[in-house]
Amino acid sequence: VVAQAPSSSRAATRKALQDLRTSLRGAEDAVYKQDQGDGSL
């Protein structure tokens, strides 16, 4: 995905993918707590 991005936005693409992983960890916490409200957010 990063290689596919224009050269001017590759660093930003990599950062966005890192933030996406972090957000999935937040969803994981909600799933382990079985909290649908936090999971939806």
All heavy atoms as atom14 arrays in JSON, in Angstrom:
{
  "sequence": "VVAQAPSSSRAATRKALQDLRTSLRGAEDAVYKQDQGDGSL",
  "atom14_mask": [
    [1, 1, 1, 1, 1, 1, 1, 0, 0, 0, 0, 0, 0, 0],
    [1, 1, 1, 1, 1, 1, 1, 0, 0, 0, 0, 0, 0, 0],
    [1, 1, 1, 1, 1, 0, 0, 0, 0, 0, 0, 0, 0, 0],
    [1, 1, 1, 1, 1, 1, 1, 1, 1, 0, 0, 0, 0, 0],
    [1, 1, 1, 1, 1, 0, 0, 0, 0, 0, 0, 0, 0, 0],
    [1, 1, 1, 1, 1, 1, 1, 0, 0, 0, 0, 0, 0, 0],
    [1, 1, 1, 1, 1, 1, 0, 0, 0, 0, 0, 0, 0, 0],
    [1, 1, 1, 1, 1, 1, 0, 0, 0, 0, 0, 0, 0, 0],
    [1, 1, 1, 1, 1, 1, 0, 0, 0, 0, 0, 0, 0, 0],
    [1, 1, 1, 1, 1, 1, 1, 1, 1, 1, 1, 0, 0, 0],
    [1, 1, 1, 1, 1, 0, 0, 0, 0, 0, 0, 0, 0, 0],
    [1, 1, 1, 1, 1, 0, 0, 0, 0, 0, 0, 0, 0, 0],
    [1, 1, 1, 1, 1, 1, 1, 0, 0, 0, 0, 0, 0, 0],
    [1, 1, 1, 1, 1, 1, 1, 1, 1, 1, 1, 0, 0, 0],
    [1, 1, 1, 1, 1, 1, 1, 1, 1, 0, 0, 0, 0, 0],
    [1, 1, 1, 1, 1, 0, 0, 0, 0, 0, 0, 0, 0, 0],
    [1, 1, 1, 1, 1, 1, 1, 1, 0, 0, 0, 0, 0, 0],
    [1, 1, 1, 1, 1, 1, 1, 1, 1, 0, 0, 0, 0, 0],
    [1, 1, 1, 1, 1, 1, 1, 1, 0, 0, 0, 0, 0, 0],
    [1, 1, 1, 1, 1, 1, 1, 1, 0, 0, 0, 0, 0, 0],
    [1, 1, 1, 1, 1, 1, 1, 1, 1, 1, 1, 0, 0, 0],
    [1, 1, 1, 1, 1, 1, 1, 0, 0, 0, 0, 0, 0, 0],
    [1, 1, 1, 1, 1, 1, 0, 0, 0, 0, 0, 0, 0, 0],
    [1, 1, 1, 1, 1, 1, 1, 1, 0, 0, 0, 0, 0, 0],
    [1, 1, 1, 1, 1, 1, 1, 1, 1, 1, 1, 0, 0, 0],
    [1, 1, 1, 1, 0, 0, 0, 0, 0, 0, 0, 0, 0, 0],
    [1, 1, 1, 1, 1, 0, 0, 0, 0, 0, 0, 0, 0, 0],
    [1, 1, 1, 1, 1, 1, 1, 1, 1, 0, 0, 0, 0, 0],
    [1, 1, 1, 1, 1, 1, 1, 1, 0, 0, 0, 0, 0, 0],
    [1, 1, 1, 1, 1, 0, 0, 0, 0, 0, 0, 0, 0, 0],
    [1, 1, 1, 1, 1, 1, 1, 0, 0, 0, 0, 0, 0, 0],
    [1, 1, 1, 1, 1, 1, 1, 1, 1, 1, 1, 1, 0, 0],
    [1, 1, 1, 1, 1, 1, 1, 1, 1, 0, 0, 0, 0, 0],
    [1, 1, 1, 1, 1, 1, 1, 1, 1, 0, 0, 0, 0, 0],
    [1, 1, 1, 1, 1, 1, 1, 1, 0, 0, 0, 0, 0, 0],
    [1, 1, 1, 1, 1, 1, 1, 1, 1, 0, 0, 0, 0, 0],
    [1, 1, 1, 1, 0, 0, 0, 0, 0, 0, 0, 0, 0, 0],
    [1, 1, 1, 1, 1, 1, 1, 1, 0, 0, 0, 0, 0, 0],
    [1, 1, 1, 1, 0, 0, 0, 0, 0, 0, 0, 0, 0, 0],
    [1, 1, 1, 1, 1, 1, 0, 0, 0, 0, 0, 0, 0, 0],
    [1, 1, 1, 1, 1, 1, 1, 1, 0, 0, 0, 0, 0, 0]
  ],
  "atom14_positions": [
    [[0.84, -1.2, 0.0], [0.0, 0.0, 0.0], [0.87, 1.25, 0.0], [0.62, 2.2, -0.75], [-0.95, 0.0, 1.21], [-1.65, 1.34, 1.36], [-1.99, -1.11, 1.06], [0.0, 0.0, 0.0], [0.0, 0.0, 0.0], [0.0, 0.0, 0.0], [0.0, 0.0, 0.0], [0.0, 0.0, 0.0], [0.0, 0.0, 0.0], [0.0, 0.0, 0.0]],
    [[1.91, 1.26, 0.84], [2.81, 2.41, 0.9], [3.5, 2.62, -0.44], [3.63, 3.76, -0.93], [3.84, 2.24, 2.03], [4.9, 3.34, 1.97], [3.15, 2.25, 3.4], [0.0, 0.0, 0.0], [0.0, 0.0, 0.0], [0.0, 0.0, 0.0], [0.0, 0.0, 0.0], [0.0, 0.0, 0.0], [0.0, 0.0, 0.0], [0.0, 0.0, 0.0]],
    [[3.95, 1.54, -1.06], [4.62, 1.65, -2.37], [3.67, 2.18, -3.44], [4.1, 2.86, -4.39], [5.17, 0.29, -2.77], [0.0, 0.0, 0.0], [0.0, 0.0, 0.0], [0.0, 0.0, 0.0], [0.0, 0.0, 0.0], [0.0, 0.0, 0.0], [0.0, 0.0, 0.0], [0.0, 0.0, 0.0], [0.0, 0.0, 0.0], [0.0, 0.0, 0.0]],
    [[2.39, 1.9, -3.28], [1.4, 2.35, -4.25], [1.12, 3.84, -4.14], [0.7, 4.47, -5.11], [0.1, 1.56, -4.0], [-1.06, 1.89, -4.9], [-2.33, 1.15, -4.47], [-2.26, 0.12, -3.8], [-3.47, 1.7, -4.85], [0.0, 0.0, 0.0], [0.0, 0.0, 0.0], [0.0, 0.0, 0.0], [0.0, 0.0, 0.0], [0.0, 0.0, 0.0]],
    [[1.35, 4.43, -2.97], [1.05, 5.85, -2.75], [2.01, 6.74, -3.52], [3.16, 6.35, -3.79], [1.14, 6.17, -1.26], [0.0, 0.0, 0.0], [0.0, 0.0, 0.0], [0.0, 0.0, 0.0], [0.0, 0.0, 0.0], [0.0, 0.0, 0.0], [0.0, 0.0, 0.0], [0.0, 0.0, 0.0], [0.0, 0.0, 0.0], [0.0, 0.0, 0.0]],
    [[1.59, 7.95, -3.92], [2.52, 8.9, -4.53], [3.68, 9.17, -3.57], [3.51, 9.13, -2.34], [1.66, 10.15, -4.74], [0.26, 9.65, -4.75], [0.23, 8.49, -3.82], [0.0, 0.0, 0.0], [0.0, 0.0, 0.0], [0.0, 0.0, 0.0], [0.0, 0.0, 0.0], [0.0, 0.0, 0.0], [0.0, 0.0, 0.0], [0.0, 0.0, 0.0]],
    [[4.84, 9.47, -4.12], [6.02, 9.66, -3.27], [5.81, 10.75, -2.22], [6.33, 10.67, -1.11], [7.23, 10.0, -4.14], [6.97, 11.16, -4.92], [0.0, 0.0, 0.0], [0.0, 0.0, 0.0], [0.0, 0.0, 0.0], [0.0, 0.0, 0.0], [0.0, 0.0, 0.0], [0.0, 0.0, 0.0], [0.0, 0.0, 0.0], [0.0, 0.0, 0.0]],
    [[5.01, 11.75, -2.57], [4.78, 12.87, -1.65], [3.96, 12.48, -0.42], [3.97, 13.2, 0.58], [4.06, 14.0, -2.38], [2.79, 13.56, -2.87], [0.0, 0.0, 0.0], [0.0, 0.0, 0.0], [0.0, 0.0, 0.0], [0.0, 0.0, 0.0], [0.0, 0.0, 0.0], [0.0, 0.0, 0.0], [0.0, 0.0, 0.0], [0.0, 0.0, 0.0]],
    [[3.25, 11.35, -0.49], [2.39, 10.98, 0.63], [2.71, 9.61, 1.22], [1.92, 9.07, 1.99], [0.91, 11.0, 0.18], [0.67, 10.01, -0.79], [0.0, 0.0, 0.0], [0.0, 0.0, 0.0], [0.0, 0.0, 0.0], [0.0, 0.0, 0.0], [0.0, 0.0, 0.0], [0.0, 0.0, 0.0], [0.0, 0.0, 0.0], [0.0, 0.0, 0.0]],
    [[3.86, 9.05, 0.89], [4.18, 7.72, 1.4], [4.4, 7.71, 2.91], [3.95, 6.8, 3.6], [5.42, 7.16, 0.68], [5.09, 6.67, -0.71], [6.29, 6.19, -1.48], [5.91, 5.89, -2.86], [6.77, 5.76, -3.85], [8.08, 5.9, -3.63], [6.34, 5.47, -5.07], [0.0, 0.0, 0.0], [0.0, 0.0, 0.0], [0.0, 0.0, 0.0]],
    [[5.07, 8.72, 3.42], [5.28, 8.78, 4.87], [3.94, 8.92, 5.59], [3.69, 8.27, 6.62], [6.2, 9.94, 5.23], [0.0, 0.0, 0.0], [0.0, 0.0, 0.0], [0.0, 0.0, 0.0], [0.0, 0.0, 0.0], [0.0, 0.0, 0.0], [0.0, 0.0, 0.0], [0.0, 0.0, 0.0], [0.0, 0.0, 0.0], [0.0, 0.0, 0.0]],
    [[3.06, 9.74, 5.05], [1.73, 9.92, 5.66], [0.91, 8.65, 5.57], [0.12, 8.33, 6.46], [1.0, 11.08, 4.99], [0.0, 0.0, 0.0], [0.0, 0.0, 0.0], [0.0, 0.0, 0.0], [0.0, 0.0, 0.0], [0.0, 0.0, 0.0], [0.0, 0.0, 0.0], [0.0, 0.0, 0.0], [0.0, 0.0, 0.0], [0.0, 0.0, 0.0]],
    [[1.08, 7.9, 4.47], [0.37, 6.63, 4.32], [0.81, 5.63, 5.37], [0.0, 4.94, 6.0], [0.6, 6.05, 2.92], [0.23, 7.01, 1.94], [-0.21, 4.78, 2.72], [0.0, 0.0, 0.0], [0.0, 0.0, 0.0], [0.0, 0.0, 0.0], [0.0, 0.0, 0.0], [0.0, 0.0, 0.0], [0.0, 0.0, 0.0], [0.0, 0.0, 0.0]],
    [[2.14, 5.55, 5.58], [2.66, 4.63, 6.6], [2.15, 5.03, 7.99], [1.76, 4.17, 8.79], [4.19, 4.63, 6.55], [4.82, 3.5, 7.37], [6.33, 3.46, 7.18], [6.7, 3.18, 5.81], [6.72, 1.96, 5.28], [6.37, 0.92, 6.03], [7.1, 1.78, 4.04], [0.0, 0.0, 0.0], [0.0, 0.0, 0.0], [0.0, 0.0, 0.0]],
    [[2.12, 6.32, 8.29], [1.63, 6.79, 9.59], [0.14, 6.45, 9.74], [-0.3, 6.01, 10.82], [1.83, 8.29, 9.71], [1.25, 8.92, 10.98], [1.92, 8.4, 12.24], [1.6, 9.24, 13.47], [0.17, 9.35, 13.75], [0.0, 0.0, 0.0], [0.0, 0.0, 0.0], [0.0, 0.0, 0.0], [0.0, 0.0, 0.0], [0.0, 0.0, 0.0]],
    [[-0.64, 6.61, 8.69], [-2.07, 6.31, 8.76], [-2.29, 4.82, 9.0], [-3.21, 4.42, 9.74], [-2.76, 6.76, 7.48], [0.0, 0.0, 0.0], [0.0, 0.0, 0.0], [0.0, 0.0, 0.0], [0.0, 0.0, 0.0], [0.0, 0.0, 0.0], [0.0, 0.0, 0.0], [0.0, 0.0, 0.0], [0.0, 0.0, 0.0], [0.0, 0.0, 0.0]],
    [[-1.48, 3.97, 8.39], [-1.58, 2.53, 8.62], [-1.24, 2.18, 10.06], [-1.87, 1.31, 10.67], [-0.68, 1.78, 7.65], [-1.16, 1.72, 6.2], [-0.02, 1.3, 5.27], [-2.34, 0.76, 6.06], [0.0, 0.0, 0.0], [0.0, 0.0, 0.0], [0.0, 0.0, 0.0], [0.0, 0.0, 0.0], [0.0, 0.0, 0.0], [0.0, 0.0, 0.0]],
    [[-0.23, 2.85, 10.63], [0.11, 2.63, 12.04], [-1.05, 3.04, 12.95], [-1.4, 2.33, 13.9], [1.37, 3.42, 12.4], [2.63, 2.91, 11.72], [3.82, 3.84, 11.92], [3.68, 4.96, 12.42], [4.99, 3.39, 11.53], [0.0, 0.0, 0.0], [0.0, 0.0, 0.0], [0.0, 0.0, 0.0], [0.0, 0.0, 0.0], [0.0, 0.0, 0.0]],
    [[-1.66, 4.18, 12.65], [-2.8, 4.63, 13.44], [-3.99, 3.67, 13.29], [-4.76, 3.46, 14.25], [-3.23, 6.03, 13.02], [-2.21, 7.1, 13.42], [-1.41, 6.82, 14.34], [-2.22, 8.19, 12.83], [0.0, 0.0, 0.0], [0.0, 0.0, 0.0], [0.0, 0.0, 0.0], [0.0, 0.0, 0.0], [0.0, 0.0, 0.0], [0.0, 0.0, 0.0]],
    [[-4.13, 3.09, 12.11], [-5.19, 2.12, 11.89], [-4.98, 0.89, 12.77], [-5.93, 0.38, 13.39], [-5.24, 1.73, 10.41], [-6.26, 0.67, 10.01], [-7.67, 1.1, 10.4], [-6.18, 0.39, 8.51], [0.0, 0.0, 0.0], [0.0, 0.0, 0.0], [0.0, 0.0, 0.0], [0.0, 0.0, 0.0], [0.0, 0.0, 0.0], [0.0, 0.0, 0.0]],
    [[-3.75, 0.41, 12.86], [-3.45, -0.72, 13.74], [-3.79, -0.38, 15.19], [-4.37, -1.19, 15.93], [-1.98, -1.1, 13.64], [-1.55, -1.71, 12.32], [-0.14, -2.28, 12.44], [0.4, -2.66, 11.16], [1.16, -1.88, 10.4], [1.47, -0.66, 10.8], [1.62, -2.31, 9.24], [0.0, 0.0, 0.0], [0.0, 0.0, 0.0], [0.0, 0.0, 0.0]],
    [[-3.42, 0.83, 15.61], [-3.69, 1.25, 17.0], [-5.19, 1.28, 17.26], [-5.65, 0.86, 18.33], [-3.08, 2.64, 17.25], [-1.67, 2.59, 17.03], [-3.35, 3.09, 18.68], [0.0, 0.0, 0.0], [0.0, 0.0, 0.0], [0.0, 0.0, 0.0], [0.0, 0.0, 0.0], [0.0, 0.0, 0.0], [0.0, 0.0, 0.0], [0.0, 0.0, 0.0]],
    [[-5.97, 1.77, 16.29], [-7.42, 1.83, 16.49], [-8.01, 0.43, 16.58], [-8.98, 0.2, 17.32], [-8.06, 2.61, 15.34], [-7.98, 1.91, 14.12], [0.0, 0.0, 0.0], [0.0, 0.0, 0.0], [0.0, 0.0, 0.0], [0.0, 0.0, 0.0], [0.0, 0.0, 0.0], [0.0, 0.0, 0.0], [0.0, 0.0, 0.0], [0.0, 0.0, 0.0]],
    [[-7.43, -0.53, 15.86], [-7.91, -1.9, 15.96], [-7.63, -2.48, 17.35], [-8.41, -3.27, 17.87], [-7.24, -2.76, 14.89], [-7.98, -2.85, 13.55], [-7.1, -3.48, 12.49], [-9.26, -3.66, 13.7], [0.0, 0.0, 0.0], [0.0, 0.0, 0.0], [0.0, 0.0, 0.0], [0.0, 0.0, 0.0], [0.0, 0.0, 0.0], [0.0, 0.0, 0.0]],
    [[-6.53, -2.08, 17.94], [-6.25, -2.52, 19.31], [-7.29, -1.97, 20.28], [-7.67, -2.62, 21.26], [-4.84, -2.07, 19.74], [-3.71, -2.73, 18.97], [-3.71, -4.24, 19.15], [-2.55, -4.86, 18.52], [-2.39, -6.18, 18.4], [-3.31, -7.01, 18.87], [-1.31, -6.66, 17.79], [0.0, 0.0, 0.0], [0.0, 0.0, 0.0], [0.0, 0.0, 0.0]],
    [[-7.76, -0.75, 20.02], [-8.84, -0.2, 20.83], [-10.12, -1.0, 20.69], [-10.84, -1.25, 21.67], [0.0, 0.0, 0.0], [0.0, 0.0, 0.0], [0.0, 0.0, 0.0], [0.0, 0.0, 0.0], [0.0, 0.0, 0.0], [0.0, 0.0, 0.0], [0.0, 0.0, 0.0], [0.0, 0.0, 0.0], [0.0, 0.0, 0.0], [0.0, 0.0, 0.0]],
    [[-10.42, -1.43, 19.46], [-11.58, -2.29, 19.24], [-11.4, -3.63, 19.94], [-12.35, -4.21, 20.49], [-11.81, -2.49, 17.74], [0.0, 0.0, 0.0], [0.0, 0.0, 0.0], [0.0, 0.0, 0.0], [0.0, 0.0, 0.0], [0.0, 0.0, 0.0], [0.0, 0.0, 0.0], [0.0, 0.0, 0.0], [0.0, 0.0, 0.0], [0.0, 0.0, 0.0]],
    [[-10.17, -4.12, 19.93], [-9.88, -5.39, 20.6], [-10.15, -5.3, 22.1], [-10.73, -6.22, 22.7], [-8.43, -5.78, 20.34], [-8.03, -7.14, 20.86], [-6.61, -7.49, 20.5], [-5.72, -6.6, 20.63], [-6.36, -8.62, 20.08], [0.0, 0.0, 0.0], [0.0, 0.0, 0.0], [0.0, 0.0, 0.0], [0.0, 0.0, 0.0], [0.0, 0.0, 0.0]],
    [[-9.76, -4.19, 22.71], [-10.03, -4.01, 24.15], [-11.52, -4.08, 24.43], [-11.97, -4.7, 25.41], [-9.47, -2.67, 24.62], [-7.95, -2.64, 24.64], [-7.33, -3.72, 24.62], [-7.38, -1.52, 24.66], [0.0, 0.0, 0.0], [0.0, 0.0, 0.0], [0.0, 0.0, 0.0], [0.0, 0.0, 0.0], [0.0, 0.0, 0.0], [0.0, 0.0, 0.0]],
    [[-12.31, -3.43, 23.58], [-13.76, -3.43, 23.77], [-14.34, -4.83, 23.59], [-15.27, -5.23, 24.32], [-14.41, -2.45, 22.8], [0.0, 0.0, 0.0], [0.0, 0.0, 0.0], [0.0, 0.0, 0.0], [0.0, 0.0, 0.0], [0.0, 0.0, 0.0], [0.0, 0.0, 0.0], [0.0, 0.0, 0.0], [0.0, 0.0, 0.0], [0.0, 0.0, 0.0]],
    [[-13.81, -5.57, 22.63], [-14.29, -6.94, 22.4], [-13.99, -7.82, 23.61], [-14.84, -8.61, 24.05], [-13.67, -7.5, 21.11], [-13.89, -9.01, 21.02], [-14.25, -6.81, 19.89], [0.0, 0.0, 0.0], [0.0, 0.0, 0.0], [0.0, 0.0, 0.0], [0.0, 0.0, 0.0], [0.0, 0.0, 0.0], [0.0, 0.0, 0.0], [0.0, 0.0, 0.0]],
    [[-12.79, -7.68, 24.16], [-12.45, -8.48, 25.34], [-13.31, -8.11, 26.54], [-13.61, -8.96, 27.39], [-10.96, -8.34, 25.67], [-10.09, -9.32, 24.93], [-9.57, -9.02, 23.67], [-9.8, -10.57, 25.47], [-8.78, -9.92, 22.97], [-9.01, -11.49, 24.78], [-8.5, -11.17, 23.54], [-7.74, -12.08, 22.84], [0.0, 0.0, 0.0], [0.0, 0.0, 0.0]],
    [[-13.72, -6.86, 26.63], [-14.62, -6.43, 27.71], [-16.08, -6.73, 27.38], [-16.95, -6.54, 28.23], [-14.46, -4.92, 27.95], [-13.13, -4.5, 28.52], [-13.13, -3.03, 28.91], [-13.38, -2.13, 27.72], [-13.33, -0.69, 28.08], [0.0, 0.0, 0.0], [0.0, 0.0, 0.0], [0.0, 0.0, 0.0], [0.0, 0.0, 0.0], [0.0, 0.0, 0.0]],
    [[-16.32, -7.16, 26.14], [-17.68, -7.42, 25.65], [-18.57, -6.18, 25.83], [-19.7, -6.25, 26.26], [-18.29, -8.63, 26.38], [-17.52, -9.91, 26.15], [-18.2, -11.13, 26.72], [-19.35, -11.07, 27.18], [-17.52, -12.26, 26.69], [0.0, 0.0, 0.0], [0.0, 0.0, 0.0], [0.0, 0.0, 0.0], [0.0, 0.0, 0.0], [0.0, 0.0, 0.0]],
    [[-17.99, -5.06, 25.44], [-18.67, -3.76, 25.57], [-19.01, -3.27, 24.16], [-18.16, -2.76, 23.44], [-17.75, -2.76, 26.28], [-18.45, -1.45, 26.62], [-19.31, -1.02, 25.84], [-18.12, -0.87, 27.68], [0.0, 0.0, 0.0], [0.0, 0.0, 0.0], [0.0, 0.0, 0.0], [0.0, 0.0, 0.0], [0.0, 0.0, 0.0], [0.0, 0.0, 0.0]],
    [[-20.27, -3.43, 23.77], [-20.66, -3.05, 22.42], [-20.6, -1.54, 22.21], [-20.26, -1.08, 21.12], [-22.07, -3.55, 22.11], [-22.45, -3.37, 20.65], [-23.85, -3.83, 20.36], [-24.74, -3.71, 21.18], [-24.06, -4.38, 19.16], [0.0, 0.0, 0.0], [0.0, 0.0, 0.0], [0.0, 0.0, 0.0], [0.0, 0.0, 0.0], [0.0, 0.0, 0.0]],
    [[-20.91, -0.76, 23.26], [-20.84, 0.69, 23.13], [-19.44, 1.17, 22.8], [-19.23, 1.89, 21.82], [0.0, 0.0, 0.0], [0.0, 0.0, 0.0], [0.0, 0.0, 0.0], [0.0, 0.0, 0.0], [0.0, 0.0, 0.0], [0.0, 0.0, 0.0], [0.0, 0.0, 0.0], [0.0, 0.0, 0.0], [0.0, 0.0, 0.0], [0.0, 0.0, 0.0]],
    [[-18.46, 0.74, 23.61], [-17.07, 1.11, 23.33], [-16.6, 0.52, 22.01], [-15.81, 1.13, 21.29], [-16.17, 0.63, 24.46], [-16.26, 1.51, 25.7], [-16.95, 2.55, 25.64], [-15.67, 1.15, 26.73], [0.0, 0.0, 0.0], [0.0, 0.0, 0.0], [0.0, 0.0, 0.0], [0.0, 0.0, 0.0], [0.0, 0.0, 0.0], [0.0, 0.0, 0.0]],
    [[-17.09, -0.67, 21.7], [-16.7, -1.3, 20.45], [-17.17, -0.51, 19.25], [-16.43, -0.34, 18.28], [0.0, 0.0, 0.0], [0.0, 0.0, 0.0], [0.0, 0.0, 0.0], [0.0, 0.0, 0.0], [0.0, 0.0, 0.0], [0.0, 0.0, 0.0], [0.0, 0.0, 0.0], [0.0, 0.0, 0.0], [0.0, 0.0, 0.0], [0.0, 0.0, 0.0]],
    [[-18.38, -0.01, 19.3], [-18.91, 0.78, 18.2], [-18.12, 2.06, 18.0], [-17.84, 2.48, 16.87], [-20.39, 1.1, 18.43], [-21.16, -0.08, 18.46], [0.0, 0.0, 0.0], [0.0, 0.0, 0.0], [0.0, 0.0, 0.0], [0.0, 0.0, 0.0], [0.0, 0.0, 0.0], [0.0, 0.0, 0.0], [0.0, 0.0, 0.0], [0.0, 0.0, 0.0]],
    [[-17.75, 2.71, 19.12], [-16.95, 3.93, 19.01], [-15.57, 3.62, 18.44], [-15.04, 4.38, 17.62], [-16.83, 4.59, 20.39], [-18.14, 5.07, 21.03], [-17.87, 5.6, 22.43], [-18.8, 6.14, 20.18], [0.0, 0.0, 0.0], [0.0, 0.0, 0.0], [0.0, 0.0, 0.0], [0.0, 0.0, 0.0], [0.0, 0.0, 0.0], [0.0, 0.0, 0.0]]
  ]
}
